[in-house]
Amino acid sequence: MTRRSLAFAGSTILAMAGCSVITAPYYAVKDVAEGGVWVAKKTYSIVKGTVHITYKVGEFTFDVIRAPIDWALTHDEISSIDGLPTKEAIRLGRVKTAPYVVGGRQYVPMTIEAAKNYTQEGMASWYGNESGKMTANGEEFNPDGLSAAHKYLPIPMFVKVTNLENRKAIIVRVNDRGPFPSFHNAKSGQRIIDLSMGAAKKLGFYENGVAQVRVEALNVRE
C-alpha cells in the first residue's frame, strides 16, 4: 500500500491508495452578543489528488473543493480584485477582504474585526444555475450546498441566516461576491445576500425567489 503525506492548512494528511480522511476539531464561536460556543469538526479527504474539506457546524455540513483556475466565475462581471485581474488575485489568495470592481464601481469589504459584530436585516435572493463554475474565492460552486454571496463580508466566513417570514434559520458559508445590479433588474443589487439554491430551499423561499432575512456573523476560530 502506498502512503504519502500532504501538508495542508497547517495539518498533515496521510493518503493511502489515493484516498484518505483525517478529522481535526475546531470551534465556531457564536456572536459575542449572544454568547455560547458551536462545537464543530473539520474533515480532510484526498480523492484523485484533490483535497476535499468538509466542515460540520452544528447540524449543518459544508463541502469545500478548490475549483480549477480555468473554470468560469459565477460572477464574471467582477473585473478586478485587489487591483489585479480576477483570476490572478484568486490564484494568489488575495480575495478575503480585498477591494474589487464590478461595472466600474469599487466595492470595499469590511475588515475581519468589523465583520465579527455584523448583523443586518434585508432582502435575500438565491442563485443556482452556476454549477461547474468558480466562486470569488476560488471554490467550486455547489448549488445544492449551503453557501452564499455577500458584497462586503470577508470570504470565506460562516453566518446565520433567519427567514423573518417563517422563522426558519440555517448556517451558511459565505464564499462568493454579490448580489449585484443586473441589466434586467437594477434593484437586485439592493439585496443584502444571495443564497445558494440549497440554502433557499432550507429556508423555505425557493418558490418565492426572495425573502426578508436577518444575517448574523459567526466568529470562527480553529
Protein backbone atom coordinates (compact mmCIF):
# COMPACT_ATOMS: atom_id res chain seq x y z
CA MET A 1 0.00 0.00 0.00
CA THR A 2 1.35 3.40 -0.97
CA ARG A 3 1.48 6.02 1.76
CA ARG A 4 2.28 9.68 1.30
CA SER A 5 1.82 12.82 3.38
CA LEU A 6 0.43 16.15 2.32
CA ALA A 7 0.74 19.41 4.24
CA PHE A 8 -2.47 21.45 4.07
CA ALA A 9 -3.67 24.35 6.17
CA GLY A 10 -1.24 23.58 8.98
CA SER A 11 -2.14 19.88 9.19
CA THR A 12 -0.59 16.74 7.80
CA ILE A 13 -2.83 14.38 5.89
CA LEU A 14 -1.87 10.78 5.25
CA ALA A 15 -3.07 9.47 1.90
CA MET A 16 -3.32 5.76 1.19
CA ALA A 17 -4.20 4.34 -2.21
CA GLY A 18 -5.24 7.80 -3.35
CA CYS A 19 -7.92 8.36 -0.74
CA SER A 20 -7.69 9.13 2.97
CA VAL A 21 -9.54 11.01 5.67
CA ILE A 22 -8.37 12.80 8.80
CA THR A 23 -10.50 14.82 11.20
CA ALA A 24 -9.47 17.67 13.47
CA PRO A 25 -11.66 19.56 15.97
CA TYR A 26 -12.10 23.32 15.82
CA TYR A 27 -14.54 25.78 17.34
CA ALA A 28 -17.14 28.04 15.78
CA VAL A 29 -17.89 30.78 18.26
CA LYS A 30 -21.29 32.47 18.16
CA ASP A 31 -21.63 36.23 18.08
CA VAL A 32 -20.35 37.63 21.39
CA ALA A 33 -23.65 39.42 21.98
CA GLU A 34 -25.43 36.06 22.22
CA GLY A 35 -22.70 34.06 23.95
CA GLY A 36 -22.28 30.29 23.69
CA VAL A 37 -20.00 28.14 21.56
CA TRP A 38 -20.62 25.99 18.49
CA VAL A 39 -18.52 22.81 18.53
CA ALA A 40 -17.58 21.70 15.03
CA LYS A 41 -15.28 19.33 13.15
CA LYS A 42 -13.25 19.73 10.00
CA THR A 43 -12.52 16.68 7.85
CA TYR A 44 -9.96 16.42 5.06
CA SER A 45 -10.15 13.82 2.32
CA ILE A 46 -7.99 13.31 -0.74
CA VAL A 47 -9.75 11.96 -3.82
CA LYS A 48 -7.71 11.52 -7.01
CA GLY A 49 -5.17 14.02 -5.76
CA THR A 50 -7.76 16.71 -4.95
CA VAL A 51 -8.23 17.87 -1.36
CA HIS A 52 -11.84 17.97 -0.19
CA ILE A 53 -12.64 19.72 3.10
CA THR A 54 -15.87 19.06 4.98
CA TYR A 55 -16.92 21.39 7.79
CA LYS A 56 -19.52 20.30 10.32
CA VAL A 57 -21.08 23.17 12.28
CA GLY A 58 -23.95 22.03 14.47
CA GLU A 59 -26.34 20.10 12.22
CA PHE A 60 -25.02 21.70 9.03
CA THR A 61 -22.38 20.27 6.68
CA PHE A 62 -20.26 22.22 4.19
CA ASP A 63 -18.17 20.58 1.45
CA VAL A 64 -15.32 22.73 0.13
CA ILE A 65 -13.48 21.87 -3.08
CA ARG A 66 -10.92 24.09 -4.79
CA ALA A 67 -12.02 24.80 -8.37
CA PRO A 68 -9.59 24.59 -11.31
CA ILE A 69 -8.33 28.10 -12.06
CA ASP A 70 -9.52 27.89 -15.67
CA TRP A 71 -13.18 27.50 -14.63
CA ALA A 72 -15.55 30.36 -15.38
CA LEU A 73 -16.63 32.55 -12.47
CA THR A 74 -20.14 32.60 -11.06
CA HIS A 75 -19.90 36.39 -11.43
CA ASP A 76 -17.80 37.17 -14.47
CA GLU A 77 -18.74 40.84 -14.07
CA ILE A 78 -16.03 41.11 -11.36
CA SER A 79 -13.35 42.81 -13.44
CA SER A 80 -10.58 43.03 -10.83
CA ILE A 81 -9.75 42.14 -7.22
CA ASP A 82 -7.13 43.99 -5.20
CA GLY A 83 -6.03 45.81 -8.35
CA LEU A 84 -5.26 42.54 -10.14
CA PRO A 85 -7.05 40.54 -12.83
CA THR A 86 -9.67 38.49 -11.00
CA LYS A 87 -8.18 35.05 -11.65
CA GLU A 88 -4.70 36.24 -10.66
CA ALA A 89 -5.97 37.58 -7.33
CA ILE A 90 -7.76 34.27 -6.69
CA ARG A 91 -4.62 32.29 -7.56
CA LEU A 92 -2.57 34.39 -5.13
CA GLY A 93 -5.20 34.17 -2.38
CA ARG A 94 -5.72 37.95 -2.30
CA VAL A 95 -9.50 38.00 -2.00
CA LYS A 96 -10.63 37.75 1.64
CA THR A 97 -11.07 41.46 2.36
CA ALA A 98 -9.65 42.87 -0.88
CA PRO A 99 -11.50 45.65 -2.74
CA TYR A 100 -12.94 44.62 -6.11
CA VAL A 101 -14.57 46.26 -9.11
CA VAL A 102 -17.90 45.46 -10.77
CA GLY A 103 -19.31 47.59 -13.58
CA GLY A 104 -16.81 50.35 -12.88
CA ARG A 105 -17.79 50.57 -9.20
CA GLN A 106 -15.36 49.65 -6.45
CA TYR A 107 -16.65 47.62 -3.51
CA VAL A 108 -14.63 47.66 -0.29
CA PRO A 109 -15.31 44.71 2.06
CA MET A 110 -15.30 45.22 5.81
CA THR A 111 -12.36 44.18 7.95
CA ILE A 112 -12.28 40.83 9.71
CA GLU A 113 -12.60 42.61 13.06
CA ALA A 114 -15.61 44.64 11.95
CA ALA A 115 -17.29 41.55 10.48
CA LYS A 116 -17.30 39.80 13.88
CA ASN A 117 -20.16 42.03 15.02
CA TYR A 118 -22.05 42.10 11.74
CA THR A 119 -25.84 41.77 11.76
CA GLN A 120 -28.26 43.09 9.14
CA GLU A 121 -31.84 42.65 8.03
CA GLY A 122 -32.89 42.93 4.42
CA MET A 123 -33.91 41.08 1.29
CA ALA A 124 -32.28 37.79 0.27
CA SER A 125 -32.40 36.08 -3.12
CA TRP A 126 -30.92 32.83 -4.41
CA TYR A 127 -28.84 31.60 -7.34
CA GLY A 128 -28.31 28.08 -8.62
CA ASN A 129 -27.65 27.93 -12.37
CA GLU A 130 -23.88 28.34 -12.00
CA SER A 131 -22.97 24.70 -11.35
CA GLY A 132 -19.44 23.93 -12.58
CA LYS A 133 -18.27 27.48 -12.00
CA MET A 134 -15.86 29.11 -9.54
CA THR A 135 -16.80 31.37 -6.65
CA ALA A 136 -14.95 34.63 -5.99
CA ASN A 137 -12.59 32.92 -3.55
CA GLY A 138 -11.73 30.07 -5.92
CA GLU A 139 -14.06 27.33 -4.68
CA GLU A 140 -16.32 25.06 -6.69
CA PHE A 141 -19.88 26.40 -6.57
CA ASN A 142 -22.39 23.79 -5.44
CA PRO A 143 -25.98 24.99 -5.99
CA ASP A 144 -27.28 22.28 -3.65
CA GLY A 145 -24.91 23.23 -0.82
CA LEU A 146 -25.30 25.79 1.96
CA SER A 147 -23.33 28.76 0.68
CA ALA A 148 -23.89 32.44 -0.01
CA ALA A 149 -22.62 35.51 -1.81
CA HIS A 150 -22.17 38.83 0.00
CA LYS A 151 -20.80 42.13 -1.25
CA TYR A 152 -18.98 43.23 1.90
CA LEU A 153 -18.26 40.34 4.28
CA PRO A 154 -14.77 38.75 4.29
CA ILE A 155 -14.75 35.49 2.35
CA PRO A 156 -14.93 32.80 3.44
CA MET A 157 -16.86 33.06 6.72
CA PHE A 158 -19.90 31.50 8.37
CA VAL A 159 -23.13 33.37 9.04
CA LYS A 160 -26.52 32.52 10.48
CA VAL A 161 -29.45 33.40 8.21
CA THR A 162 -33.01 33.60 9.56
CA ASN A 163 -36.06 33.86 7.32
CA LEU A 164 -38.08 36.52 9.12
CA GLU A 165 -41.26 35.42 7.36
CA ASN A 166 -41.30 31.85 8.74
CA ARG A 167 -38.54 31.97 11.44
CA LYS A 168 -36.54 29.16 9.81
CA ALA A 169 -32.80 29.55 10.40
CA ILE A 170 -29.66 27.92 8.99
CA ILE A 171 -25.89 28.45 8.90
CA VAL A 172 -24.28 29.15 5.53
CA ARG A 173 -20.71 29.64 4.37
CA VAL A 174 -20.12 32.93 2.53
CA ASN A 175 -17.66 32.18 -0.30
CA ASP A 176 -18.75 34.44 -3.15
CA ARG A 177 -19.47 38.06 -4.05
CA GLY A 178 -22.87 39.52 -4.91
CA PRO A 179 -25.69 40.16 -5.47
CA PHE A 180 -25.06 42.96 -7.97
CA PRO A 181 -27.41 45.08 -10.08
CA SER A 182 -28.38 43.26 -13.28
CA PHE A 183 -29.34 44.57 -16.68
CA HIS A 184 -32.92 43.39 -16.31
CA ASN A 185 -33.27 44.33 -12.60
CA ALA A 186 -31.17 47.18 -11.25
CA LYS A 187 -32.78 46.79 -7.81
CA SER A 188 -31.28 43.31 -7.40
CA GLY A 189 -28.13 45.00 -6.12
CA GLN A 190 -30.08 46.25 -3.09
CA ARG A 191 -30.44 42.70 -1.74
CA ILE A 192 -28.07 42.03 1.14
CA ILE A 193 -27.25 38.38 0.41
CA ASP A 194 -27.56 35.84 -2.41
CA LEU A 195 -28.02 32.30 -1.13
CA SER A 196 -27.40 29.03 -2.90
CA MET A 197 -30.45 27.15 -4.16
CA GLY A 198 -29.97 24.55 -1.42
CA ALA A 199 -29.97 27.23 1.27
CA ALA A 200 -33.11 28.85 -0.17
CA LYS A 201 -34.90 25.51 -0.01
CA LYS A 202 -33.88 25.02 3.63
CA LEU A 203 -35.18 28.49 4.46
CA GLY A 204 -38.44 27.92 2.62
CA PHE A 205 -38.31 30.65 -0.03
CA TYR A 206 -37.13 28.70 -3.08
CA GLU A 207 -40.50 29.09 -4.82
CA ASN A 208 -40.90 32.78 -3.96
CA GLY A 209 -37.38 33.68 -5.07
CA VAL A 210 -36.81 36.29 -2.35
CA ALA A 211 -37.39 36.64 1.39
CA GLN A 212 -36.83 39.09 4.21
CA VAL A 213 -33.97 37.76 6.33
CA ARG A 214 -31.62 38.53 9.19
CA VAL A 215 -27.92 37.79 8.67
CA GLU A 216 -25.66 37.39 11.71
CA ALA A 217 -21.93 36.72 11.77
CA LEU A 218 -20.45 33.64 13.41
CA ASN A 219 -16.93 34.28 14.63
CA VAL A 220 -14.85 31.19 13.84
CA ARG A 221 -11.52 30.17 15.32
CA GLU A 222 -9.62 26.95 14.74
